[in-house]
Protein backbone atom coordinates (compact mmCIF):
# COMPACT_ATOMS: atom_id res chain seq x y z
CA UNK A 1 0.00 0.00 0.00
CA UNK A 2 1.36 3.41 -0.96
CA UNK A 3 2.66 5.51 1.91
CA UNK A 4 -0.16 8.08 1.85
CA UNK A 5 -2.76 5.29 1.76
CA UNK A 6 -0.99 3.51 4.61
CA UNK A 7 -1.36 6.62 6.74
CA UNK A 8 -5.05 6.84 5.94
CA UNK A 9 -5.48 3.14 6.69
CA UNK A 10 -3.81 3.65 10.05
CA UNK A 11 -6.35 6.37 10.71
CA UNK A 12 -9.15 3.96 9.79
CA UNK A 13 -7.74 1.47 12.30
CA UNK A 14 -7.47 4.25 14.90
CA UNK A 15 -11.12 5.17 14.31
CA UNK A 16 -12.11 1.52 14.61
CA UNK A 17 -10.28 1.22 17.93
CA UNK A 18 -11.77 4.50 19.16
CA UNK A 19 -15.32 3.45 18.38
CA UNK A 20 -15.25 -0.24 19.29
CA UNK A 21 -16.30 0.30 22.92
CA UNK A 22 -18.76 3.08 22.12
CA UNK A 23 -22.43 2.18 22.32
CA UNK A 24 -24.83 2.88 19.50
CA UNK A 25 -27.13 4.45 22.05
CA UNK A 26 -24.41 6.98 22.89
CA UNK A 27 -23.80 7.73 19.21
CA UNK A 28 -27.49 8.47 18.74
CA UNK A 29 -27.70 10.52 21.94
CA UNK A 30 -24.74 12.69 20.93
CA UNK A 31 -25.92 13.42 17.38
CA UNK A 32 -29.53 14.45 16.86
CA UNK A 33 -28.99 14.52 13.07
CA UNK A 34 -27.45 11.04 12.87
CA UNK A 35 -30.44 9.34 11.23
CA UNK A 36 -30.81 12.07 8.62
CA UNK A 37 -27.10 12.07 7.81
CA UNK A 38 -26.88 8.28 7.64
CA UNK A 39 -30.01 7.55 5.65
CA UNK A 40 -29.75 7.73 1.86
CA UNK A 41 -32.36 7.05 -0.78
CA UNK A 42 -31.64 5.52 -4.16
CA UNK A 43 -34.29 6.89 -6.53
CA UNK A 44 -34.82 5.81 -10.11
CA UNK A 45 -38.24 6.46 -11.55
CA UNK A 46 -40.66 4.26 -9.59
CA UNK A 47 -37.80 2.38 -7.93
CA UNK A 48 -36.93 3.71 -4.50
CA UNK A 49 -34.69 2.05 -1.90
CA UNK A 50 -34.14 3.71 1.46
CA UNK A 51 -30.81 2.70 3.01
CA UNK A 52 -30.49 3.40 6.75
CA UNK A 53 -26.96 2.71 8.00
CA UNK A 54 -27.34 4.80 11.17
CA UNK A 55 -27.27 1.59 13.23
CA UNK A 56 -23.76 0.76 12.00
CA UNK A 57 -21.12 1.27 14.69
CA UNK A 58 -19.48 4.17 12.89
CA UNK A 59 -19.46 7.93 13.33
CA UNK A 60 -19.09 10.95 11.06
CA UNK A 61 -15.34 11.21 11.65
CA UNK A 62 -14.70 7.57 10.73
CA UNK A 63 -16.90 7.84 7.65
CA UNK A 64 -15.03 10.98 6.56
CA UNK A 65 -11.71 9.12 6.87
CA UNK A 66 -13.09 6.24 4.80
CA UNK A 67 -14.32 8.60 2.07
CA UNK A 68 -10.88 10.24 1.97
CA UNK A 69 -9.30 6.80 1.69
CA UNK A 70 -11.64 5.97 -1.21
CA UNK A 71 -10.72 9.21 -2.94
CA UNK A 72 -6.99 8.64 -2.51
CA UNK A 73 -7.31 5.02 -3.66
CA UNK A 74 -9.23 6.20 -6.72
CA UNK A 75 -12.15 3.82 -6.12
CA UNK A 76 -14.68 5.60 -8.32
CA UNK A 77 -12.07 6.35 -11.00
CA UNK A 78 -11.13 2.67 -11.07
CA UNK A 79 -14.79 1.75 -11.31
CA UNK A 80 -14.99 3.95 -14.40
CA UNK A 81 -11.87 2.26 -15.78
CA UNK A 82 -13.48 -1.13 -15.24
CA UNK A 83 -16.61 -0.01 -17.08
CA UNK A 84 -14.36 1.31 -19.83
CA UNK A 85 -12.74 -2.05 -20.49
CA UNK A 86 -9.49 -1.91 -18.50
CA UNK A 87 -8.09 -5.40 -17.81
CA UNK A 88 -8.85 -5.31 -14.10
CA UNK A 89 -8.76 -9.12 -13.95
CA UNK A 90 -5.01 -9.06 -14.47
CA UNK A 91 -4.31 -12.71 -13.52
CA UNK A 92 -6.47 -13.85 -16.43
CA UNK A 93 -5.66 -10.85 -18.64
CA UNK A 94 -9.37 -10.03 -18.91
CA UNK A 95 -11.64 -7.06 -18.60
CA UNK A 96 -14.58 -7.35 -16.20
CA UNK A 97 -17.44 -5.88 -18.17
CA UNK A 98 -20.56 -7.17 -16.45
CA UNK A 99 -21.81 -3.57 -16.40
CA UNK A 100 -21.79 -3.63 -20.23
CA UNK A 101 -24.51 -6.30 -20.09
CA UNK A 102 -27.00 -3.63 -19.01
CA UNK A 103 -25.61 -0.64 -20.91
CA UNK A 104 -28.05 1.18 -23.21
CA UNK A 105 -27.91 0.48 -26.92
CA UNK A 106 -26.61 4.01 -27.52
CA UNK A 107 -23.50 3.46 -25.40
CA UNK A 108 -20.07 3.07 -27.01
CA UNK A 109 -17.44 0.60 -25.85
CA UNK A 110 -14.76 -1.20 -27.81
CA UNK A 111 -12.63 -4.09 -26.60
CA UNK A 112 -9.93 -5.61 -28.79
CA UNK A 113 -11.37 -3.74 -31.75
CA UNK A 114 -14.87 -5.13 -31.22
CA UNK A 115 -18.03 -3.19 -30.43
CA UNK A 116 -19.00 -4.74 -27.11
CA UNK A 117 -22.33 -2.94 -26.78
CA UNK A 118 -23.42 -4.10 -30.22
CA UNK A 119 -22.52 -7.69 -29.33
CA UNK A 120 -24.53 -7.48 -26.12
CA UNK A 121 -27.62 -6.04 -27.77
CA UNK A 122 -27.43 -8.38 -30.73
CA UNK A 123 -27.49 -11.28 -28.29
CA UNK A 124 -30.31 -9.71 -26.29
CA UNK A 125 -32.36 -9.45 -29.47
CA UNK A 126 -31.74 -13.15 -30.12
CA UNK A 127 -32.80 -13.94 -26.56
CA UNK A 128 -35.95 -11.85 -26.94
CA UNK A 129 -36.87 -13.49 -30.25
CA UNK A 130 -36.31 -17.01 -28.92
CA UNK A 131 -38.16 -16.41 -25.65
CA UNK A 132 -41.16 -14.96 -27.46
CA UNK A 133 -41.18 -17.94 -29.84
CA UNK A 134 -41.19 -20.45 -26.98
CA UNK A 135 -43.90 -18.54 -25.13
CA UNK A 136 -46.15 -18.27 -28.19
CA UNK A 137 -45.75 -21.86 -29.39
CA UNK A 138 -46.66 -23.27 -25.96
CA UNK A 139 -44.96 -26.56 -26.83
CA UNK A 140 -42.88 -26.64 -23.66
CA UNK A 141 -44.60 -26.76 -20.28
CA UNK A 142 -41.44 -27.13 -18.17
CA UNK A 143 -37.94 -25.69 -18.36
CA UNK A 144 -35.08 -27.44 -16.57
CA UNK A 145 -32.14 -25.08 -16.08
CA UNK A 146 -28.90 -27.05 -15.71
CA UNK A 147 -25.99 -25.07 -14.31
CA UNK A 148 -24.11 -24.39 -11.10
CA UNK A 149 -22.82 -21.29 -9.32
CA UNK A 150 -23.70 -18.16 -11.26
CA UNK A 151 -25.33 -20.29 -13.96
CA UNK A 152 -27.85 -21.48 -11.37
CA UNK A 153 -28.08 -19.05 -8.46
CA UNK A 154 -28.83 -15.97 -10.59
CA UNK A 155 -31.63 -17.31 -12.80
CA UNK A 156 -33.13 -19.22 -9.86
CA UNK A 157 -33.20 -16.03 -7.78
CA UNK A 158 -34.93 -14.05 -10.52
CA UNK A 159 -37.48 -16.82 -11.08
CA UNK A 160 -38.27 -17.04 -7.36
CA UNK A 161 -38.73 -13.31 -6.99
CA UNK A 162 -40.94 -12.90 -10.05
CA UNK A 163 -43.00 -15.98 -9.20
CA UNK A 164 -44.12 -14.31 -5.98
CA UNK A 165 -45.83 -11.58 -7.99
CA UNK A 166 -47.43 -13.53 -10.81
CA UNK A 167 -47.70 -16.99 -12.25
CA UNK A 168 -44.97 -17.83 -14.78
CA UNK A 169 -45.94 -18.76 -18.33
CA UNK A 170 -43.73 -21.84 -18.02
CA UNK A 171 -42.60 -23.52 -14.80
CA UNK A 172 -38.82 -23.53 -14.32
CA UNK A 173 -36.88 -26.11 -12.36
CA UNK A 174 -33.23 -25.59 -11.41
CA UNK A 175 -30.66 -28.36 -11.17
CA UNK A 176 -27.11 -27.77 -9.96
CA UNK A 177 -25.78 -30.53 -7.72
CA UNK A 178 -23.90 -33.46 -9.23
CA UNK A 179 -25.82 -35.60 -6.72
CA UNK A 180 -28.24 -37.14 -9.23
CA UNK A 181 -31.01 -37.15 -6.62
CA UNK A 182 -31.62 -33.53 -7.54
CA UNK A 183 -32.03 -33.96 -11.30
CA UNK A 184 -34.02 -37.16 -10.86
CA UNK A 185 -36.48 -35.32 -8.62
CA UNK A 186 -36.83 -32.57 -11.23
CA UNK A 187 -37.30 -35.01 -14.12
CA UNK A 188 -39.99 -36.84 -12.17
CA UNK A 189 -42.10 -33.70 -12.49
CA UNK A 190 -41.64 -33.46 -16.26
CA UNK A 191 -42.91 -35.08 -19.46
CA UNK A 192 -40.21 -35.59 -22.12
CA UNK A 193 -42.19 -34.12 -25.02
CA UNK A 194 -42.99 -30.97 -22.99
CA UNK A 195 -39.56 -30.28 -21.45
CA UNK A 196 -36.91 -27.78 -22.55
CA UNK A 197 -33.42 -28.06 -21.09
CA UNK A 198 -31.24 -24.95 -20.81
CA UNK A 199 -27.63 -25.95 -20.19
CA UNK A 200 -25.67 -23.02 -18.78
CA UNK A 201 -21.90 -23.08 -18.36
CA UNK A 202 -19.41 -20.34 -19.10
CA UNK A 203 -16.57 -22.76 -19.88
CA UNK A 204 -18.69 -25.79 -20.72
CA UNK A 205 -16.16 -27.84 -18.80
CA UNK A 206 -17.98 -27.84 -15.45
CA UNK A 207 -18.26 -31.45 -14.27
CA UNK A 208 -21.57 -31.04 -12.44
CA UNK A 209 -23.30 -29.41 -15.40
CA UNK A 210 -22.00 -31.92 -17.96
CA UNK A 211 -23.02 -34.85 -15.75
CA UNK A 212 -26.55 -33.53 -15.34
CA UNK A 213 -26.82 -32.74 -19.06
CA UNK A 214 -25.84 -36.33 -19.82
CA UNK A 215 -28.56 -37.67 -17.48
CA UNK A 216 -31.11 -35.30 -19.02
CA UNK A 217 -30.22 -36.43 -22.54
CA UNK A 218 -30.54 -40.11 -21.63
CA UNK A 219 -33.88 -39.49 -19.91
CA UNK A 220 -35.17 -37.53 -22.90
CA UNK A 221 -34.06 -40.14 -25.43
CA UNK A 222 -35.71 -42.92 -23.44
CA UNK A 223 -38.90 -40.94 -22.98
CA UNK A 224 -39.18 -39.99 -26.64
CA UNK A 225 -38.20 -43.47 -27.80
CA UNK A 226 -35.27 -42.27 -29.90
CA UNK A 227 -31.53 -42.93 -29.96
CA UNK A 228 -28.97 -40.70 -28.29
CA UNK A 229 -27.83 -39.49 -31.71
CA UNK A 230 -31.31 -38.42 -32.82
CA UNK A 231 -31.69 -34.87 -34.12
CA UNK A 232 -34.99 -34.68 -32.24
CA UNK A 233 -33.14 -34.28 -28.95
CA UNK A 234 -31.43 -31.07 -30.04
CA UNK A 235 -34.79 -29.31 -30.28
CA UNK A 236 -35.19 -29.82 -26.52
CA UNK A 237 -31.80 -28.38 -25.61
CA UNK A 238 -30.50 -24.82 -25.43
CA UNK A 239 -26.89 -23.92 -24.59
CA UNK A 240 -25.65 -20.72 -22.95
CA UNK A 241 -21.86 -20.43 -22.86
CA UNK A 242 -18.79 -18.32 -23.53
CA UNK A 243 -17.28 -21.41 -25.18
CA UNK A 244 -19.78 -22.55 -27.81
CA UNK A 245 -17.09 -24.55 -29.63
CA UNK A 246 -16.50 -26.60 -26.48
CA UNK A 247 -20.25 -27.00 -26.05
CA UNK A 248 -20.59 -28.47 -29.54
CA UNK A 249 -17.88 -31.05 -28.79
CA UNK A 250 -19.30 -32.05 -25.39
CA UNK A 251 -22.11 -34.31 -26.62
CA UNK A 252 -24.78 -31.71 -25.80
CA UNK A 253 -26.48 -31.11 -29.14
CA UNK A 254 -28.65 -28.00 -29.11
CA UNK A 255 -30.66 -26.38 -31.88
CA UNK A 256 -30.34 -23.00 -30.17
CA UNK A 257 -27.36 -21.50 -28.40
CA UNK A 258 -26.60 -18.13 -26.83
CA UNK A 259 -23.34 -16.35 -26.18
CA UNK A 260 -21.82 -14.81 -23.12
CA UNK A 261 -18.22 -13.60 -23.13
CA UNK A 262 -14.92 -14.30 -21.37
CA UNK A 263 -15.06 -10.81 -19.88
CA UNK A 264 -18.14 -11.72 -17.81
CA UNK A 265 -17.51 -13.68 -14.62
CA UNK A 266 -20.03 -16.42 -13.94
CA UNK A 267 -21.12 -14.83 -10.66
CA UNK A 268 -21.71 -11.56 -12.55
CA UNK A 269 -23.62 -13.13 -15.45
CA UNK A 270 -27.16 -12.67 -14.13
CA UNK A 271 -27.71 -9.79 -16.60
CA UNK A 272 -26.95 -12.01 -19.60
CA UNK A 273 -28.52 -14.92 -21.48
CA UNK A 274 -27.70 -16.99 -18.38
CA UNK A 275 -31.11 -15.79 -17.17
CA UNK A 276 -32.89 -17.24 -20.20
CA UNK A 277 -35.14 -19.49 -18.10
CA UNK A 278 -36.87 -16.67 -16.17
CA UNK A 279 -36.89 -14.53 -19.34
CA UNK A 280 -38.98 -17.20 -21.07
CA UNK A 281 -41.15 -17.65 -17.99
CA UNK A 282 -41.98 -13.97 -17.49
CA UNK A 283 -41.22 -12.23 -20.77
CA UNK A 284 -38.39 -10.10 -22.07
CA UNK A 285 -39.97 -6.79 -21.06
CA UNK A 286 -39.73 -7.85 -17.42
CA UNK A 287 -36.03 -8.60 -17.89
CA UNK A 288 -35.51 -5.16 -19.43
CA UNK A 289 -36.83 -3.62 -16.21
CA UNK A 290 -34.37 -5.75 -14.23
CA UNK A 291 -31.50 -4.48 -16.40
CA UNK A 292 -32.71 -0.90 -15.99
CA UNK A 293 -32.47 -1.21 -12.21
CA UNK A 294 -28.89 -2.45 -12.46
CA UNK A 295 -27.95 0.26 -14.96
CA UNK A 296 -29.30 2.98 -12.69
CA UNK A 297 -27.04 1.90 -9.83
CA UNK A 298 -24.07 1.63 -12.21
CA UNK A 299 -24.56 5.26 -13.19
CA UNK A 300 -25.05 6.45 -9.62
CA UNK A 301 -21.91 4.63 -8.48
CA UNK A 302 -19.88 6.47 -11.11
CA UNK A 303 -21.47 9.93 -10.96
CA UNK A 304 -22.78 10.56 -7.43
CA UNK A 305 -21.01 12.84 -4.99
CA UNK A 306 -19.01 10.68 -2.56
CA UNK A 307 -21.14 11.68 0.42
CA UNK A 308 -24.27 10.59 -1.49
CA UNK A 309 -22.78 7.57 -3.25
CA UNK A 310 -24.74 4.74 -1.63
CA UNK A 311 -22.80 1.82 -3.13
CA UNK A 312 -19.49 3.49 -2.26
CA UNK A 313 -20.54 4.18 1.33
CA UNK A 314 -21.86 0.64 1.85
CA UNK A 315 -18.61 -0.77 0.48
CA UNK A 316 -16.59 1.44 2.81
CA UNK A 317 -18.69 0.31 5.78
CA UNK A 318 -17.85 -3.26 4.75
CA UNK A 319 -14.18 -2.26 4.81
CA UNK A 320 -14.66 -0.73 8.28
CA UNK A 321 -16.47 -3.81 9.59
CA UNK A 322 -14.47 -6.58 7.95
CA UNK A 323 -11.28 -5.07 6.53
CA UNK A 324 -10.23 -3.94 10.01
CA UNK A 325 -10.92 -7.46 11.33
CA UNK A 326 -13.52 -6.15 13.77
CA UNK A 327 -15.92 -8.77 12.43
CA UNK A 328 -15.53 -11.87 10.29
CA UNK A 329 -19.12 -12.76 9.45
CA UNK A 330 -22.03 -11.01 7.74
CA UNK A 331 -25.71 -12.00 7.87
CA UNK A 332 -28.20 -11.11 5.14
CA UNK A 333 -31.83 -11.26 6.25
CA UNK A 334 -34.48 -10.49 3.65
CA UNK A 335 -37.94 -10.08 5.15
CA UNK A 336 -39.63 -11.41 2.02
CA UNK A 337 -40.01 -15.09 1.21
CA UNK A 338 -39.49 -14.27 -2.47
CA UNK A 339 -35.87 -13.40 -1.62
CA UNK A 340 -35.13 -16.69 0.16
CA UNK A 341 -32.32 -17.42 -2.35
CA UNK A 342 -30.62 -14.03 -1.96
CA UNK A 343 -28.21 -15.07 0.84
CA UNK A 344 -26.99 -18.00 -1.28
CA UNK A 345 -26.59 -15.74 -4.31
CA UNK A 346 -24.60 -13.21 -2.27
CA UNK A 347 -22.41 -15.93 -0.76
CA UNK A 348 -20.96 -16.60 -4.19
CA UNK A 349 -20.87 -12.95 -5.27
CA UNK A 350 -19.00 -11.79 -2.17
CA UNK A 351 -16.89 -14.76 -1.11
CA UNK A 352 -15.82 -15.96 -4.55
CA UNK A 353 -14.97 -12.40 -5.52
CA UNK A 354 -13.11 -11.25 -2.43
CA UNK A 355 -12.09 -14.52 -0.81
CA UNK A 356 -8.45 -13.76 -1.60
CA UNK A 357 -5.33 -13.20 0.51
CA UNK A 358 -2.81 -11.89 -2.04
CA UNK A 359 -2.58 -8.32 -3.31
CA UNK A 360 -1.96 -7.21 -6.88
CA UNK A 361 1.79 -7.13 -6.30
CA UNK A 362 1.84 -10.71 -5.00
CA UNK A 363 2.35 -9.78 -1.35
CA UNK A 364 -0.01 -10.89 1.45
CA UNK A 365 -3.06 -8.70 1.94
CA UNK A 366 -2.81 -6.59 5.08
CA UNK A 367 -6.51 -5.69 4.95
CA UNK A 368 -8.96 -8.51 5.66
CA UNK A 369 -11.01 -9.29 2.58
CA UNK A 370 -14.21 -11.33 2.50
CA UNK A 371 -16.48 -11.99 5.46
CA UNK A 372 -18.26 -15.31 5.82
CA UNK A 373 -21.68 -14.57 4.33
CA UNK A 374 -24.80 -16.36 5.49
CA UNK A 375 -28.40 -15.65 6.32
CA UNK A 376 -32.02 -16.63 5.96
CA UNK A 377 -35.52 -15.30 5.56
CA UNK A 378 -37.21 -13.33 8.30
CA UNK A 379 -39.14 -14.18 10.40
CA UNK A 380 -37.91 -17.78 10.15
CA UNK A 381 -34.42 -16.65 11.15
CA UNK A 382 -35.76 -15.25 14.41
CA UNK A 383 -36.56 -18.80 15.47
CA UNK A 384 -33.23 -20.18 14.28
CA UNK A 385 -30.11 -18.05 14.72
CA UNK A 386 -31.19 -14.60 15.92
CA UNK A 387 -30.45 -15.66 19.50
CA UNK A 388 -26.74 -15.82 18.63
CA UNK A 389 -26.89 -12.44 16.91
CA UNK A 390 -28.38 -10.84 20.03
CA UNK A 391 -26.36 -12.50 22.80
CA UNK A 392 -23.59 -14.59 21.26
CA UNK A 393 -19.89 -14.00 21.74
CA UNK A 394 -19.45 -13.06 18.07
CA UNK A 395 -20.81 -9.75 16.80
CA UNK A 396 -22.23 -10.16 13.29
CA UNK A 397 -23.22 -7.13 11.18
CA UNK A 398 -26.63 -7.66 9.58
CA UNK A 399 -28.30 -6.45 6.40
CA UNK A 400 -32.08 -6.28 6.85
CA UNK A 401 -34.05 -6.05 3.59
CA UNK A 402 -37.77 -5.25 3.58
CA UNK A 403 -40.57 -3.84 1.45
CA UNK A 404 -43.52 -1.54 2.10
CA UNK A 405 -45.64 -3.47 -0.41
CA UNK A 406 -45.62 -7.11 -1.47
CA UNK A 407 -48.08 -8.72 -3.85
CA UNK A 408 -50.42 -11.55 -2.83
CA UNK A 409 -49.94 -11.07 0.90
CA UNK A 410 -52.25 -10.56 3.86
CA UNK A 411 -51.86 -6.92 4.85
CA UNK A 412 -52.17 -7.54 8.59
CA UNK A 413 -49.48 -10.21 8.39
CA UNK A 414 -47.30 -7.95 6.28
CA UNK A 415 -47.42 -5.18 8.89
CA UNK A 416 -46.33 -7.76 11.47
CA UNK A 417 -43.52 -8.93 9.17
CA UNK A 418 -42.11 -5.42 8.79
CA UNK A 419 -42.59 -4.73 12.51
CA UNK A 420 -40.49 -7.78 13.27
CA UNK A 421 -37.71 -6.54 10.99
CA UNK A 422 -37.68 -3.11 12.61
CA UNK A 423 -37.79 -4.70 16.08
CA UNK A 424 -34.82 -6.97 15.41
CA UNK A 425 -32.72 -4.06 14.15
CA UNK A 426 -33.72 -1.99 17.18
CA UNK A 427 -32.94 -4.79 19.64
CA UNK A 428 -29.55 -5.46 18.06
CA UNK A 429 -28.66 -1.78 18.19
CA UNK A 430 -29.91 -0.77 21.63
CA UNK A 431 -30.31 -4.05 23.54
CA UNK A 432 -32.12 -4.35 26.82
CA UNK A 433 -30.26 -3.94 30.09
CA UNK A 434 -33.21 -3.75 32.46
CA UNK A 435 -34.09 -7.38 33.11
CA UNK A 436 -37.55 -7.52 34.66
CA UNK A 437 -36.70 -9.85 37.47
CA UNK A 438 -35.52 -9.60 41.04
CA UNK A 439 -33.63 -12.87 40.81
CA UNK A 440 -29.96 -11.88 40.57
CA UNK A 441 -29.07 -15.33 39.24
CA UNK A 442 -31.39 -14.92 36.26
CA UNK A 443 -30.97 -11.23 35.49
CA UNK A 444 -27.57 -11.42 33.70
CA UNK A 445 -28.91 -14.04 31.32
CA UNK A 446 -31.68 -11.72 30.20
CA UNK A 447 -29.47 -8.74 29.45
CA UNK A 448 -28.62 -7.74 25.90
CA UNK A 449 -25.90 -5.15 25.51
CA UNK A 450 -26.87 -3.99 22.05
CA UNK A 451 -24.42 -2.07 19.87
CA UNK A 452 -24.63 -4.84 17.27
CA UNK A 453 -24.48 -3.16 13.86
CA UNK A 454 -26.96 -3.42 11.02
CA UNK A 455 -28.10 -1.67 7.86
CA UNK A 456 -31.76 -1.61 6.85
CA UNK A 457 -32.86 -1.52 3.23
CA UNK A 458 -36.50 -0.53 2.77
CA UNK A 459 -37.97 -0.44 -0.73
CA UNK A 460 -41.46 0.41 -1.89
CA UNK A 461 -41.99 -2.95 -3.58
CA UNK A 462 -40.10 -5.95 -4.90
CA UNK A 463 -40.18 -5.24 -8.62
CA UNK A 464 -37.76 -6.51 -11.28
CA UNK A 465 -36.22 -3.04 -11.29
CA UNK A 466 -35.73 -3.07 -7.52
CA UNK A 467 -34.17 -6.53 -7.64
CA UNK A 468 -31.72 -5.37 -10.30
CA UNK A 469 -30.81 -2.32 -8.22
CA UNK A 470 -30.24 -4.40 -5.08
CA UNK A 471 -27.94 -6.84 -6.86
CA UNK A 472 -25.93 -4.04 -8.46
CA UNK A 473 -25.54 -2.38 -5.06
CA UNK A 474 -23.97 -5.55 -3.69
CA UNK A 475 -21.77 -5.97 -6.79
CA UNK A 476 -20.32 -2.51 -6.31
CA UNK A 477 -19.82 -3.00 -2.55
CA UNK A 478 -17.66 -5.99 -3.47
CA UNK A 479 -15.71 -3.82 -5.91
CA UNK A 480 -15.08 -1.10 -3.32
CA UNK A 481 -13.76 -3.57 -0.74
CA UNK A 482 -11.58 -5.25 -3.37
CA UNK A 483 -9.99 -1.98 -4.45
CA UNK A 484 -9.22 -0.89 -0.88
CA UNK A 485 -7.76 -4.33 -0.09
CA UNK A 486 -5.82 -4.23 -3.40
CA UNK A 487 -6.94 -7.70 -4.49
CA UNK A 488 -8.33 -9.09 -7.76
CA UNK A 489 -12.08 -9.51 -7.23
CA UNK A 490 -12.57 -11.19 -10.62
CA UNK A 491 -10.56 -14.41 -10.63
CA UNK A 492 -11.26 -17.65 -8.71
CA UNK A 493 -8.17 -19.83 -8.71
CA UNK A 494 -9.25 -21.68 -5.57
CA UNK A 495 -12.37 -22.87 -7.36
CA UNK A 496 -10.30 -23.99 -10.33
CA UNK A 497 -7.99 -26.06 -8.10
CA UNK A 498 -10.95 -27.91 -6.62
CA UNK A 499 -12.27 -28.69 -10.10
CA UNK A 500 -8.91 -30.02 -11.28
CA UNK A 501 -8.40 -32.26 -8.25
CA UNK A 502 -11.93 -33.67 -8.43
CA UNK A 503 -11.34 -34.77 -12.03
CA UNK A 504 -8.06 -36.46 -11.08
CA UNK A 505 -9.57 -38.25 -8.09
CA UNK A 506 -12.66 -39.30 -10.05
CA UNK A 507 -10.43 -40.96 -12.63
CA UNK A 508 -8.64 -42.93 -9.90
CA UNK A 509 -11.68 -44.12 -7.95
CA UNK A 510 -12.33 -47.03 -10.31
CA UNK A 511 -8.67 -47.92 -10.81
CA UNK A 512 -7.17 -50.84 -8.91
CA UNK A 513 -4.51 -48.65 -7.36
CA UNK A 514 -4.44 -45.01 -6.43
CA UNK A 515 -1.71 -42.56 -7.36
CA UNK A 516 -2.95 -39.96 -4.88
CA UNK A 517 0.05 -38.69 -2.94
CA UNK A 518 -1.53 -37.87 0.44
CA UNK A 519 -2.36 -40.59 2.94
CA UNK A 520 -5.74 -39.25 4.04
CA UNK A 521 -7.23 -38.95 0.55
CA UNK A 522 -5.79 -42.34 -0.45
CA UNK A 523 -7.35 -43.93 2.63
CA UNK A 524 -10.72 -42.34 1.91
CA UNK A 525 -10.68 -43.55 -1.71
CA UNK A 526 -9.92 -47.09 -0.48
CA UNK A 527 -12.75 -46.93 2.07
CA UNK A 528 -15.13 -45.63 -0.58
CA UNK A 529 -14.25 -48.51 -2.91
CA UNK A 530 -14.88 -51.01 -0.12
CA UNK A 531 -18.23 -49.52 0.86
CA UNK A 532 -19.28 -49.13 -2.76
CA UNK A 533 -18.65 -52.82 -3.48
CA UNK A 534 -20.58 -54.14 -0.48
CA UNK A 535 -24.07 -55.43 -1.19
């Protein structure tokens, strides 16, 4: 870290140490304008998200230091460079142009002499045409999306959210795990002649996806009474990949295929043809609204004043909470059943992006990077893990996400749902030190100290546009933390190692001897062979 940045980082650490024993109650008592100063509203047409971070354990001085650090580190300037096609993914010599997936048709961006925006919109037009064809023909009653990671979590999240508001034209099922129990359960709900398979894989080398595609093809051939080489099967398969040549050589024959690009990370591909399944289910116009929400946040991240830049501020609070090693875990609690998959989606987005320990120059990171991300739906979570959040030995910052309006809900119950969200945030922040008991042995067990940080997101309604805005906000928080920590948020070499080793071990499982060079893995392979062979 450059010398001037090191000094600022030392000031951040000083602020963290200064504040760590301060209570949130004291921070509120000493600043009557705290809520106003620490509540921002992201407005874009009908989309409005109120972000209240006043319950974060931070004060104006610490936030000012963080904003100065962001300015000196050139966070927003580097965001603009990323959007402009700079090769920010330097270990793979790639740009990271997920923001181009939602750029307007009038935008201009060239990469390696190619018009990126034209490529994106040409593909979107193909997606629109195909989705409208499938919807109008009504031949397919079920779509099975086969993918894993970003090829599964993104489209599944969109489908879940939109399904809460209206019935999809076509039911979508999502298969990811190589455990064939999952795909067999999905296929049991389908009829071969009415099923469309969308096989999503950026590299088209992902073992789980190829295994499930093979099972799907065999099931389809058997059900239709045709051979595995029949051209009929291709009409039931669609491929989405950045490596269409590899897809064609992988025994997955598809009449229709759609392109993504090497400069889009899988966990950032939700704005691409990877979301074909929900696009078919709900229509392309709905997807356009989703893209518009993302695009709005992209623009605000790049053009807002620092003190009003919501994504920047949230990213800096992440740096303050996790980069300083004050906390190591983050909980995401949406108070909307439609967002039940959001914590899983954000696990990949945040931890695969920033789960690194080496800086750009190859030296160890001196700023902590990714928290452990987890969560669940409110109010279910209140009867599962909220006890630990209130009184446990670990302090876990929480993101609460709620909505003033949800479709197809009982209004009395919805008021209670939102009241619960507000109550949990209040209890975490301010605790309860007056135990209503005279029994001195019981009283300490009923005390809650409070000062447990949280941010509350409150939107008008859960629309496609709002969902897009929320996801973009989290994407840019990841970017901010990555820049401050000086890591590459866009590679995933740890994931690649696991893939490589699994292929090697799989090849050796059915061999008479094992060439594995560690005793534990060799022993486990031997035990597996023994158990597998027993009747």
